[in-house]
Amino acid sequence: MPFDTYAGLQTAITAWAMRTGDTQFEAQTPNFIALCEKRINRTLRVGAMEKTATLTPDGTGAITLPADYLEFRSVQPSTAGYEAMQLVAPDFEVGMYEGGGVPRRFSIAGSTLQTYPAANGVVRVIYFAKIPALSVANPTNWLLDAAPDLYLYGSLLEAAPYMEEDARAQVWKTYYDTAMADLKANDVSARYATGRARVRGPTP
């Protein structure tokens, strides 16, 4: 693949934009890639983004979420036998519990997860993590390997306003949307296609 690294991707962006030799444009390619990653983080949720963190709350039950946190999948107390906790509004449980215990609910405000009642043990959080940002120090990541076209078209889409290319922006958006849909479909197929549907209730 000709753009399987950060440097290769920048070269490809410049070439596809037909700006090879344009030093001002080339200097902006890191910004186009960073904006593309912001766009992807807002909409993409696939298995490769899932992480598990075991976190320790403070005395009030507050937990600082990981720096790469985007969205939770499951929050569960460490105590065996308890189901996943339920999400509530940040002010839902205020004043309802005194002291600590096994938490049954949680809220999220900003980068803080609050347990109700205050957890007296660690909490396991399964969450979607941000795409590891490409850079000189981090020249590749799992997404560039899996979907280089998504990176390319997304970066060109972000470059369109800089170039004042409204017509080409729509073309690149179409390609970007197709690449995004394909990646999501492949994720669903990889995780669920081999499963067998179960019919609720008695079967003949």
N, C-alpha and C. Protein backbone atom coordinates (compact mmCIF):
# COMPACT_ATOMS: atom_id res chain seq x y z
N MET A 1 0.86 -1.20 0.00
CA MET A 1 0.00 0.00 0.00
C MET A 1 0.89 1.24 0.00
N PRO A 2 0.71 2.17 -0.94
CA PRO A 2 1.62 3.31 -1.07
C PRO A 2 1.52 4.33 0.06
N PHE A 3 0.41 4.30 0.84
CA PHE A 3 0.33 5.25 1.94
C PHE A 3 -0.05 4.53 3.23
N ASP A 4 0.84 3.62 3.67
CA ASP A 4 0.61 2.88 4.89
C ASP A 4 1.36 3.47 6.08
N THR A 5 1.90 4.68 5.89
CA THR A 5 2.55 5.40 6.97
C THR A 5 2.09 6.85 6.94
N TYR A 6 2.37 7.57 8.01
CA TYR A 6 2.01 8.98 8.12
C TYR A 6 2.63 9.79 6.98
N ALA A 7 3.92 9.56 6.72
CA ALA A 7 4.59 10.29 5.64
C ALA A 7 4.00 9.92 4.28
N GLY A 8 3.73 8.63 4.08
CA GLY A 8 3.14 8.20 2.83
C GLY A 8 1.76 8.76 2.60
N LEU A 9 0.98 8.86 3.67
CA LEU A 9 -0.35 9.44 3.58
C LEU A 9 -0.27 10.92 3.18
N GLN A 10 0.66 11.65 3.76
CA GLN A 10 0.81 13.06 3.41
C GLN A 10 1.17 13.22 1.93
N THR A 11 2.05 12.35 1.45
CA THR A 11 2.42 12.40 0.03
C THR A 11 1.23 12.10 -0.86
N ALA A 12 0.41 11.11 -0.46
CA ALA A 12 -0.76 10.74 -1.25
C ALA A 12 -1.79 11.87 -1.27
N ILE A 13 -1.99 12.53 -0.14
CA ILE A 13 -2.93 13.65 -0.08
C ILE A 13 -2.51 14.74 -1.06
N THR A 14 -1.24 15.07 -1.05
CA THR A 14 -0.73 16.11 -1.94
C THR A 14 -0.90 15.72 -3.40
N ALA A 15 -0.62 14.46 -3.71
CA ALA A 15 -0.72 13.99 -5.09
C ALA A 15 -2.17 13.97 -5.56
N TRP A 16 -3.10 13.44 -4.73
CA TRP A 16 -4.51 13.36 -5.12
C TRP A 16 -5.13 14.75 -5.23
N ALA A 17 -4.61 15.70 -4.46
CA ALA A 17 -5.11 17.08 -4.55
C ALA A 17 -4.46 17.83 -5.70
N MET A 18 -3.51 17.16 -6.39
CA MET A 18 -2.76 17.76 -7.50
C MET A 18 -2.04 19.02 -7.04
N ARG A 19 -1.40 18.91 -5.87
CA ARG A 19 -0.65 20.05 -5.32
C ARG A 19 0.81 19.68 -5.06
N THR A 20 1.32 18.67 -5.76
CA THR A 20 2.73 18.30 -5.59
C THR A 20 3.62 19.48 -5.94
N GLY A 21 4.54 19.78 -5.03
CA GLY A 21 5.42 20.92 -5.20
C GLY A 21 4.91 22.20 -4.57
N ASP A 22 3.67 22.20 -4.10
CA ASP A 22 3.07 23.34 -3.42
C ASP A 22 3.45 23.25 -1.95
N THR A 23 4.49 23.93 -1.56
CA THR A 23 5.01 23.80 -0.20
C THR A 23 4.02 24.30 0.86
N GLN A 24 3.24 25.30 0.53
CA GLN A 24 2.25 25.80 1.50
C GLN A 24 1.18 24.74 1.75
N PHE A 25 0.73 24.07 0.68
CA PHE A 25 -0.27 23.01 0.85
C PHE A 25 0.34 21.85 1.62
N GLU A 26 1.54 21.45 1.25
CA GLU A 26 2.20 20.33 1.92
C GLU A 26 2.35 20.59 3.42
N ALA A 27 2.59 21.83 3.79
CA ALA A 27 2.74 22.17 5.21
C ALA A 27 1.44 22.01 5.98
N GLN A 28 0.31 22.04 5.26
CA GLN A 28 -0.99 21.91 5.91
C GLN A 28 -1.48 20.48 6.03
N THR A 29 -0.83 19.53 5.37
CA THR A 29 -1.33 18.16 5.38
C THR A 29 -1.45 17.56 6.79
N PRO A 30 -0.56 17.86 7.73
CA PRO A 30 -0.79 17.35 9.09
C PRO A 30 -2.10 17.85 9.70
N ASN A 31 -2.48 19.08 9.37
CA ASN A 31 -3.75 19.62 9.88
C ASN A 31 -4.94 18.91 9.24
N PHE A 32 -4.85 18.61 7.94
CA PHE A 32 -5.94 17.90 7.27
C PHE A 32 -6.13 16.52 7.89
N ILE A 33 -5.03 15.85 8.19
CA ILE A 33 -5.10 14.51 8.79
C ILE A 33 -5.68 14.59 10.20
N ALA A 34 -5.25 15.59 10.97
CA ALA A 34 -5.77 15.74 12.34
C ALA A 34 -7.27 16.03 12.33
N LEU A 35 -7.72 16.87 11.39
CA LEU A 35 -9.15 17.16 11.27
C LEU A 35 -9.93 15.92 10.83
N CYS A 36 -9.34 15.13 9.95
CA CYS A 36 -9.95 13.87 9.52
C CYS A 36 -10.14 12.95 10.72
N GLU A 37 -9.14 12.85 11.57
CA GLU A 37 -9.24 12.00 12.75
C GLU A 37 -10.32 12.48 13.70
N LYS A 38 -10.47 13.79 13.83
CA LYS A 38 -11.56 14.34 14.66
C LYS A 38 -12.92 13.91 14.10
N ARG A 39 -13.07 13.99 12.78
CA ARG A 39 -14.31 13.61 12.13
C ARG A 39 -14.60 12.12 12.35
N ILE A 40 -13.58 11.29 12.20
CA ILE A 40 -13.74 9.85 12.37
C ILE A 40 -14.13 9.52 13.81
N ASN A 41 -13.47 10.17 14.77
CA ASN A 41 -13.77 9.88 16.18
C ASN A 41 -15.21 10.22 16.56
N ARG A 42 -15.82 11.14 15.83
CA ARG A 42 -17.21 11.52 16.14
C ARG A 42 -18.21 10.46 15.71
N THR A 43 -17.86 9.63 14.72
CA THR A 43 -18.87 8.74 14.15
C THR A 43 -18.51 7.26 14.15
N LEU A 44 -17.24 6.93 14.17
CA LEU A 44 -16.85 5.52 14.05
C LEU A 44 -16.85 4.83 15.41
N ARG A 45 -17.53 3.68 15.48
CA ARG A 45 -17.52 2.84 16.69
C ARG A 45 -17.46 1.39 16.22
N VAL A 46 -16.25 0.80 16.24
CA VAL A 46 -16.05 -0.57 15.82
C VAL A 46 -15.24 -1.31 16.88
N GLY A 47 -15.19 -2.63 16.72
CA GLY A 47 -14.55 -3.45 17.73
C GLY A 47 -13.09 -3.12 18.00
N ALA A 48 -12.38 -2.68 16.96
CA ALA A 48 -10.96 -2.35 17.14
C ALA A 48 -10.75 -1.16 18.06
N MET A 49 -11.80 -0.39 18.31
CA MET A 49 -11.69 0.78 19.18
C MET A 49 -12.00 0.45 20.64
N GLU A 50 -12.42 -0.77 20.93
CA GLU A 50 -12.83 -1.12 22.29
C GLU A 50 -11.62 -1.38 23.20
N LYS A 51 -11.70 -0.84 24.39
CA LYS A 51 -10.69 -1.05 25.41
C LYS A 51 -11.38 -1.35 26.73
N THR A 52 -10.65 -1.99 27.64
CA THR A 52 -11.14 -2.24 28.98
C THR A 52 -10.19 -1.60 29.98
N ALA A 53 -10.74 -0.83 30.90
CA ALA A 53 -9.93 -0.17 31.93
C ALA A 53 -10.49 -0.53 33.30
N THR A 54 -9.62 -0.89 34.22
CA THR A 54 -10.01 -1.12 35.61
C THR A 54 -9.61 0.11 36.41
N LEU A 55 -10.61 0.84 36.91
CA LEU A 55 -10.37 2.16 37.49
C LEU A 55 -10.77 2.19 38.95
N THR A 56 -10.03 2.96 39.72
CA THR A 56 -10.28 3.08 41.15
C THR A 56 -10.90 4.44 41.46
N PRO A 57 -12.11 4.47 42.04
CA PRO A 57 -12.75 5.75 42.37
C PRO A 57 -12.13 6.39 43.60
N ASP A 58 -12.36 7.70 43.75
CA ASP A 58 -11.91 8.35 44.97
C ASP A 58 -12.96 8.13 46.06
N GLY A 59 -12.81 8.80 47.18
CA GLY A 59 -13.71 8.58 48.32
C GLY A 59 -15.14 8.97 48.06
N THR A 60 -15.38 9.79 47.04
CA THR A 60 -16.75 10.21 46.71
C THR A 60 -17.38 9.37 45.60
N GLY A 61 -16.62 8.39 45.10
CA GLY A 61 -17.13 7.58 44.00
C GLY A 61 -16.85 8.13 42.63
N ALA A 62 -16.03 9.17 42.55
CA ALA A 62 -15.72 9.79 41.27
C ALA A 62 -14.51 9.09 40.63
N ILE A 63 -14.59 8.93 39.31
CA ILE A 63 -13.52 8.27 38.55
C ILE A 63 -13.17 9.14 37.36
N THR A 64 -11.89 9.39 37.16
CA THR A 64 -11.44 10.12 35.98
C THR A 64 -11.32 9.15 34.82
N LEU A 65 -12.03 9.42 33.75
CA LEU A 65 -12.02 8.55 32.59
C LEU A 65 -10.68 8.61 31.85
N PRO A 66 -10.33 7.56 31.13
CA PRO A 66 -9.07 7.56 30.38
C PRO A 66 -9.01 8.72 29.38
N ALA A 67 -7.81 9.17 29.09
CA ALA A 67 -7.64 10.32 28.19
C ALA A 67 -8.16 10.04 26.79
N ASP A 68 -8.18 8.77 26.37
CA ASP A 68 -8.63 8.43 25.02
C ASP A 68 -10.10 7.99 24.99
N TYR A 69 -10.83 8.23 26.07
CA TYR A 69 -12.23 7.81 26.15
C TYR A 69 -13.11 8.58 25.17
N LEU A 70 -14.00 7.84 24.47
CA LEU A 70 -15.00 8.45 23.61
C LEU A 70 -16.41 8.16 24.09
N GLU A 71 -16.70 6.88 24.38
CA GLU A 71 -18.06 6.47 24.70
C GLU A 71 -18.00 5.12 25.43
N PHE A 72 -18.86 4.94 26.42
CA PHE A 72 -18.81 3.67 27.16
C PHE A 72 -19.62 2.60 26.45
N ARG A 73 -19.22 1.35 26.68
CA ARG A 73 -20.03 0.20 26.27
C ARG A 73 -20.63 -0.48 27.49
N SER A 74 -19.83 -0.59 28.56
CA SER A 74 -20.33 -1.25 29.76
C SER A 74 -19.53 -0.74 30.96
N VAL A 75 -20.24 -0.55 32.07
CA VAL A 75 -19.59 -0.17 33.34
C VAL A 75 -20.08 -1.17 34.38
N GLN A 76 -19.14 -1.83 35.05
CA GLN A 76 -19.52 -2.91 35.96
C GLN A 76 -18.71 -2.84 37.24
N PRO A 77 -19.35 -3.07 38.39
CA PRO A 77 -18.61 -3.11 39.65
C PRO A 77 -17.74 -4.35 39.73
N SER A 78 -16.72 -4.31 40.56
CA SER A 78 -15.80 -5.45 40.68
C SER A 78 -16.40 -6.59 41.48
N THR A 79 -17.43 -6.31 42.27
CA THR A 79 -18.04 -7.33 43.10
C THR A 79 -18.73 -8.38 42.25
N ALA A 80 -18.38 -9.65 42.46
CA ALA A 80 -18.93 -10.74 41.66
C ALA A 80 -20.44 -10.84 41.85
N GLY A 81 -21.14 -11.18 40.79
CA GLY A 81 -22.57 -11.41 40.87
C GLY A 81 -23.42 -10.19 40.57
N TYR A 82 -22.82 -9.05 40.38
CA TYR A 82 -23.59 -7.83 40.11
C TYR A 82 -23.58 -7.53 38.62
N GLU A 83 -24.73 -7.12 38.12
CA GLU A 83 -24.86 -6.82 36.71
C GLU A 83 -24.22 -5.47 36.37
N ALA A 84 -24.15 -5.21 35.06
CA ALA A 84 -23.62 -3.92 34.61
C ALA A 84 -24.45 -2.79 35.19
N MET A 85 -23.79 -1.70 35.50
CA MET A 85 -24.45 -0.55 36.10
C MET A 85 -25.28 0.20 35.06
N GLN A 86 -26.29 0.92 35.53
CA GLN A 86 -27.18 1.67 34.65
C GLN A 86 -26.77 3.14 34.62
N LEU A 87 -26.84 3.73 33.42
CA LEU A 87 -26.53 5.14 33.26
C LEU A 87 -27.72 6.00 33.68
N VAL A 88 -27.44 7.06 34.46
CA VAL A 88 -28.46 8.02 34.84
C VAL A 88 -27.93 9.43 34.59
N ALA A 89 -28.81 10.41 34.65
CA ALA A 89 -28.40 11.81 34.51
C ALA A 89 -27.50 12.21 35.67
N PRO A 90 -26.57 13.14 35.47
CA PRO A 90 -25.63 13.51 36.52
C PRO A 90 -26.27 13.94 37.83
N ASP A 91 -27.48 14.52 37.80
CA ASP A 91 -28.11 14.98 39.04
C ASP A 91 -29.19 14.02 39.55
N PHE A 92 -29.30 12.84 38.93
CA PHE A 92 -30.41 11.92 39.24
C PHE A 92 -30.32 11.38 40.66
N GLU A 93 -29.12 10.99 41.09
CA GLU A 93 -28.97 10.30 42.36
C GLU A 93 -28.39 11.18 43.46
N VAL A 94 -28.23 12.45 43.21
CA VAL A 94 -27.59 13.32 44.19
C VAL A 94 -28.35 13.30 45.51
N GLY A 95 -27.66 12.99 46.59
CA GLY A 95 -28.25 13.00 47.92
C GLY A 95 -29.03 11.76 48.29
N MET A 96 -29.13 10.77 47.37
CA MET A 96 -29.94 9.59 47.66
C MET A 96 -29.17 8.52 48.42
N TYR A 97 -27.83 8.56 48.32
CA TYR A 97 -27.03 7.53 48.99
C TYR A 97 -26.02 8.18 49.91
N GLU A 98 -25.83 7.59 51.05
CA GLU A 98 -24.79 8.01 51.99
C GLU A 98 -23.78 6.88 52.11
N GLY A 99 -22.50 7.24 52.19
CA GLY A 99 -21.47 6.22 52.35
C GLY A 99 -21.21 5.47 51.06
N GLY A 100 -20.49 4.34 51.21
CA GLY A 100 -20.12 3.56 50.04
C GLY A 100 -20.91 2.27 49.95
N GLY A 101 -20.53 1.45 48.97
CA GLY A 101 -21.21 0.19 48.75
C GLY A 101 -20.98 -0.28 47.33
N VAL A 102 -21.74 -1.28 46.93
CA VAL A 102 -21.65 -1.77 45.56
C VAL A 102 -22.49 -0.86 44.67
N PRO A 103 -21.90 -0.17 43.73
CA PRO A 103 -22.67 0.77 42.91
C PRO A 103 -23.57 0.06 41.91
N ARG A 104 -24.75 0.61 41.69
CA ARG A 104 -25.70 0.06 40.73
C ARG A 104 -25.96 1.01 39.58
N ARG A 105 -25.63 2.29 39.75
CA ARG A 105 -25.85 3.30 38.71
C ARG A 105 -24.61 4.18 38.58
N PHE A 106 -24.54 4.89 37.49
CA PHE A 106 -23.43 5.82 37.27
C PHE A 106 -23.89 6.94 36.36
N SER A 107 -23.17 8.04 36.42
CA SER A 107 -23.38 9.15 35.50
C SER A 107 -22.04 9.60 34.96
N ILE A 108 -22.07 10.32 33.84
CA ILE A 108 -20.85 10.85 33.24
C ILE A 108 -21.04 12.33 32.98
N ALA A 109 -20.12 13.12 33.49
CA ALA A 109 -20.11 14.56 33.24
C ALA A 109 -18.69 14.96 32.88
N GLY A 110 -18.51 15.40 31.65
CA GLY A 110 -17.16 15.73 31.20
C GLY A 110 -16.28 14.50 31.18
N SER A 111 -15.17 14.55 31.87
CA SER A 111 -14.24 13.42 31.91
C SER A 111 -14.35 12.64 33.22
N THR A 112 -15.47 12.84 33.95
CA THR A 112 -15.64 12.18 35.24
C THR A 112 -16.83 11.23 35.22
N LEU A 113 -16.60 10.02 35.68
CA LEU A 113 -17.67 9.04 35.88
C LEU A 113 -17.96 8.98 37.37
N GLN A 114 -19.22 9.13 37.75
CA GLN A 114 -19.63 9.13 39.15
C GLN A 114 -20.47 7.90 39.44
N THR A 115 -20.10 7.14 40.46
CA THR A 115 -20.85 5.94 40.82
C THR A 115 -21.83 6.24 41.95
N TYR A 116 -22.96 5.50 41.95
CA TYR A 116 -23.99 5.65 42.98
C TYR A 116 -24.38 4.26 43.49
N PRO A 117 -24.22 3.99 44.80
CA PRO A 117 -23.50 4.81 45.77
C PRO A 117 -22.01 4.82 45.45
N ALA A 118 -21.25 5.55 46.22
CA ALA A 118 -19.81 5.63 45.99
C ALA A 118 -19.20 4.24 46.05
N ALA A 119 -18.51 3.83 44.98
CA ALA A 119 -17.96 2.48 44.91
C ALA A 119 -16.91 2.27 45.98
N ASN A 120 -16.93 1.08 46.58
CA ASN A 120 -15.92 0.74 47.57
C ASN A 120 -14.88 -0.22 46.99
N GLY A 121 -14.85 -0.34 45.68
CA GLY A 121 -13.87 -1.17 44.99
C GLY A 121 -13.69 -0.68 43.57
N VAL A 122 -12.81 -1.35 42.84
CA VAL A 122 -12.54 -0.91 41.48
C VAL A 122 -13.75 -1.13 40.58
N VAL A 123 -13.78 -0.40 39.49
CA VAL A 123 -14.87 -0.48 38.52
C VAL A 123 -14.26 -0.78 37.15
N ARG A 124 -14.87 -1.71 36.44
CA ARG A 124 -14.39 -2.05 35.11
C ARG A 124 -15.21 -1.31 34.06
N VAL A 125 -14.52 -0.58 33.21
CA VAL A 125 -15.17 0.20 32.16
C VAL A 125 -14.72 -0.32 30.80
N ILE A 126 -15.67 -0.78 29.99
CA ILE A 126 -15.40 -1.12 28.60
C ILE A 126 -15.86 0.06 27.76
N TYR A 127 -14.96 0.59 26.94
CA TYR A 127 -15.27 1.83 26.24
C TYR A 127 -14.66 1.86 24.85
N PHE A 128 -15.17 2.77 24.04
CA PHE A 128 -14.58 3.04 22.73
C PHE A 128 -13.51 4.11 22.91
N ALA A 129 -12.32 3.83 22.38
CA ALA A 129 -11.19 4.75 22.52
C ALA A 129 -10.96 5.53 21.23
N LYS A 130 -10.41 6.71 21.37
CA LYS A 130 -10.06 7.53 20.21
C LYS A 130 -9.05 6.79 19.32
N ILE A 131 -9.09 7.12 18.04
CA ILE A 131 -8.10 6.60 17.12
C ILE A 131 -6.72 7.11 17.54
N PRO A 132 -5.72 6.25 17.69
CA PRO A 132 -4.37 6.75 18.01
C PRO A 132 -3.90 7.70 16.91
N ALA A 133 -3.70 8.95 17.26
CA ALA A 133 -3.39 9.98 16.26
C ALA A 133 -2.07 9.69 15.55
N LEU A 134 -2.10 9.85 14.24
CA LEU A 134 -0.87 9.71 13.45
C LEU A 134 0.04 10.92 13.69
N SER A 135 1.33 10.66 13.66
CA SER A 135 2.32 11.72 13.83
C SER A 135 3.67 11.17 13.40
N VAL A 136 4.67 12.02 13.43
CA VAL A 136 6.03 11.56 13.13
C VAL A 136 6.44 10.49 14.13
N ALA A 137 6.07 10.69 15.40
CA ALA A 137 6.43 9.73 16.44
C ALA A 137 5.56 8.48 16.40
N ASN A 138 4.35 8.59 15.83
CA ASN A 138 3.43 7.46 15.71
C ASN A 138 3.01 7.34 14.24
N PRO A 139 3.88 6.76 13.39
CA PRO A 139 3.68 6.83 11.95
C PRO A 139 2.59 5.93 11.39
N THR A 140 2.02 5.03 12.20
CA THR A 140 0.94 4.19 11.70
C THR A 140 0.03 3.80 12.86
N ASN A 141 -1.15 3.30 12.53
CA ASN A 141 -2.08 2.79 13.55
C ASN A 141 -2.98 1.75 12.89
N TRP A 142 -3.84 1.14 13.66
CA TRP A 142 -4.67 0.05 13.13
C TRP A 142 -5.62 0.54 12.04
N LEU A 143 -6.09 1.79 12.13
CA LEU A 143 -7.05 2.28 11.15
C LEU A 143 -6.39 2.55 9.81
N LEU A 144 -5.20 3.10 9.81
CA LEU A 144 -4.50 3.34 8.55
C LEU A 144 -4.21 2.02 7.86
N ASP A 145 -3.94 0.98 8.64
CA ASP A 145 -3.70 -0.34 8.08
C ASP A 145 -4.99 -0.94 7.53
N ALA A 146 -6.11 -0.75 8.25
CA ALA A 146 -7.38 -1.37 7.86
C ALA A 146 -8.13 -0.58 6.79
N ALA A 147 -8.03 0.74 6.82
CA ALA A 147 -8.83 1.57 5.91
C ALA A 147 -8.06 2.81 5.48
N PRO A 148 -6.99 2.63 4.70
CA PRO A 148 -6.24 3.81 4.23
C PRO A 148 -7.08 4.74 3.38
N ASP A 149 -8.07 4.17 2.67
CA ASP A 149 -8.94 5.02 1.85
C ASP A 149 -9.76 5.97 2.70
N LEU A 150 -10.17 5.53 3.88
CA LEU A 150 -10.93 6.41 4.78
C LEU A 150 -10.08 7.60 5.19
N TYR A 151 -8.82 7.34 5.52
CA TYR A 151 -7.90 8.43 5.87
C TYR A 151 -7.67 9.36 4.69
N LEU A 152 -7.46 8.79 3.51
CA LEU A 152 -7.16 9.61 2.34
C LEU A 152 -8.33 10.51 1.98
N TYR A 153 -9.52 9.93 1.82
CA TYR A 153 -10.68 10.73 1.40
C TYR A 153 -11.11 11.69 2.50
N GLY A 154 -10.98 11.27 3.76
CA GLY A 154 -11.32 12.18 4.85
C GLY A 154 -10.39 13.37 4.90
N SER A 155 -9.11 13.15 4.67
CA SER A 155 -8.15 14.25 4.68
C SER A 155 -8.36 15.18 3.49
N LEU A 156 -8.67 14.61 2.32
CA LEU A 156 -8.96 15.44 1.15
C LEU A 156 -10.23 16.25 1.36
N LEU A 157 -11.21 15.66 2.02
CA LEU A 157 -12.44 16.39 2.34
C LEU A 157 -12.13 17.59 3.23
N GLU A 158 -11.25 17.40 4.20
CA GLU A 158 -10.87 18.51 5.08
C GLU A 158 -10.02 19.55 4.34
N ALA A 159 -9.33 19.11 3.31
CA ALA A 159 -8.49 20.04 2.53
C ALA A 159 -9.31 20.90 1.58
N ALA A 160 -10.51 20.44 1.24
CA ALA A 160 -11.31 21.14 0.23
C ALA A 160 -11.56 22.61 0.55
N PRO A 161 -11.96 22.97 1.78
CA PRO A 161 -12.16 24.41 2.06
C PRO A 161 -10.88 25.23 1.90
N TYR A 162 -9.75 24.63 2.27
CA TYR A 162 -8.48 25.33 2.12
C TYR A 162 -8.21 25.64 0.66
N MET A 163 -8.57 24.69 -0.23
CA MET A 163 -8.33 24.87 -1.66
C MET A 163 -9.48 25.58 -2.37
N GLU A 164 -10.58 25.85 -1.64
CA GLU A 164 -11.78 26.44 -2.22
C GLU A 164 -12.30 25.57 -3.37
N GLU A 165 -12.36 24.26 -3.08
CA GLU A 165 -12.80 23.28 -4.08
C GLU A 165 -14.12 22.67 -3.64
N ASP A 166 -15.20 23.40 -3.75
CA ASP A 166 -16.50 22.91 -3.31
C ASP A 166 -16.97 21.70 -4.11
N ALA A 167 -16.74 21.70 -5.41
CA ALA A 167 -17.21 20.60 -6.25
C ALA A 167 -16.49 19.31 -5.90
N ARG A 168 -15.19 19.39 -5.70
CA ARG A 168 -14.43 18.19 -5.37
C ARG A 168 -14.74 17.71 -3.96
N ALA A 169 -15.15 18.61 -3.09
CA ALA A 169 -15.49 18.22 -1.72
C ALA A 169 -16.62 17.19 -1.73
N GLN A 170 -17.62 17.37 -2.59
CA GLN A 170 -18.73 16.43 -2.64
C GLN A 170 -18.28 15.06 -3.14
N VAL A 171 -17.36 15.05 -4.09
CA VAL A 171 -16.82 13.78 -4.59
C VAL A 171 -16.09 13.05 -3.48
N TRP A 172 -15.22 13.78 -2.77
CA TRP A 172 -14.45 13.15 -1.69
C TRP A 172 -15.36 12.71 -0.54
N LYS A 173 -16.42 13.46 -0.29
CA LYS A 173 -17.35 13.05 0.76
C LYS A 173 -18.06 11.75 0.40
N THR A 174 -18.41 11.61 -0.87
CA THR A 174 -19.05 10.38 -1.31
C THR A 174 -18.12 9.19 -1.11
N TYR A 175 -16.87 9.35 -1.50
CA TYR A 175 -15.89 8.27 -1.31
C TYR A 175 -15.65 8.00 0.18
N TYR A 176 -15.58 9.07 0.96
CA TYR A 176 -15.37 8.93 2.42
C TYR A 176 -16.54 8.17 3.04
N ASP A 177 -17.76 8.55 2.70
CA ASP A 177 -18.94 7.89 3.27
C ASP A 177 -18.98 6.42 2.88
N THR A 178 -18.58 6.09 1.66
CA THR A 178 -18.55 4.69 1.23
C THR A 178 -17.52 3.90 2.01
N ALA A 179 -16.34 4.48 2.19
CA ALA A 179 -15.29 3.80 2.95
C ALA A 179 -15.71 3.59 4.40
N MET A 180 -16.38 4.59 4.99
CA MET A 180 -16.86 4.47 6.37
C MET A 180 -17.91 3.36 6.47
N ALA A 181 -18.86 3.33 5.54
CA ALA A 181 -19.91 2.32 5.56
C ALA A 181 -19.32 0.92 5.39
N ASP A 182 -18.33 0.78 4.51
CA ASP A 182 -17.70 -0.52 4.30
C ASP A 182 -16.98 -0.99 5.56
N LEU A 183 -16.29 -0.08 6.24
CA LEU A 183 -15.56 -0.44 7.46
C LEU A 183 -16.54 -0.90 8.54
N LYS A 184 -17.64 -0.19 8.70
CA LYS A 184 -18.63 -0.57 9.70
C LYS A 184 -19.28 -1.91 9.36
N ALA A 185 -19.59 -2.12 8.07
CA ALA A 185 -20.21 -3.37 7.65
C ALA A 185 -19.26 -4.55 7.88
N ASN A 186 -17.99 -4.37 7.58
CA ASN A 186 -17.01 -5.42 7.81
C ASN A 186 -16.88 -5.76 9.28
N ASP A 187 -16.98 -4.74 10.14
CA ASP A 187 -16.91 -4.97 11.58
C ASP A 187 -18.09 -5.80 12.06
N VAL A 188 -19.28 -5.45 11.60
CA VAL A 188 -20.48 -6.21 11.97
C VAL A 188 -20.36 -7.66 11.49
N SER A 189 -19.91 -7.84 10.26
CA SER A 189 -19.77 -9.17 9.70
C SER A 189 -18.76 -10.00 10.48
N ALA A 190 -17.63 -9.38 10.84
CA ALA A 190 -16.58 -10.10 11.55
C ALA A 190 -17.02 -10.53 12.94
N ARG A 191 -17.86 -9.72 13.57
CA ARG A 191 -18.24 -10.01 14.95
C ARG A 191 -19.50 -10.84 15.08
N TYR A 192 -20.40 -10.74 14.10
CA TYR A 192 -21.71 -11.37 14.29
C TYR A 192 -22.13 -12.34 13.20
N ALA A 193 -21.45 -12.38 12.07
CA ALA A 193 -21.93 -13.19 10.95
C ALA A 193 -21.94 -14.69 11.26
N THR A 194 -21.04 -15.15 12.13
CA THR A 194 -20.99 -16.58 12.43
C THR A 194 -21.92 -16.99 13.55
N GLY A 195 -22.59 -16.01 14.17
CA GLY A 195 -23.51 -16.33 15.26
C GLY A 195 -24.81 -16.91 14.72
N ARG A 196 -25.47 -17.67 15.57
CA ARG A 196 -26.74 -18.26 15.18
C ARG A 196 -27.87 -17.57 15.94
N ALA A 197 -28.93 -17.23 15.22
CA ALA A 197 -30.06 -16.57 15.84
C ALA A 197 -30.80 -17.55 16.74
N ARG A 198 -31.22 -17.07 17.90
CA ARG A 198 -32.00 -17.89 18.82
C ARG A 198 -33.43 -17.38 18.86
N VAL A 199 -34.38 -18.29 18.77
CA VAL A 199 -35.79 -17.93 18.79
C VAL A 199 -36.27 -17.92 20.23
N ARG A 200 -36.89 -16.80 20.63
CA ARG A 200 -37.40 -16.70 21.99
C ARG A 200 -38.60 -17.64 22.18
N GLY A 201 -38.65 -18.33 23.30
CA GLY A 201 -39.77 -19.20 23.60
C GLY A 201 -39.52 -20.63 23.15
N PRO A 202 -40.47 -21.53 23.38
CA PRO A 202 -40.29 -22.95 23.02
C PRO A 202 -40.22 -23.15 21.52
N THR A 203 -39.45 -24.13 21.10
CA THR A 203 -39.35 -24.46 19.68
C THR A 203 -39.86 -25.87 19.47
N PRO A 204 -40.38 -26.17 18.30
CA PRO A 204 -40.94 -27.51 18.04
C PRO A 204 -39.87 -28.57 18.06
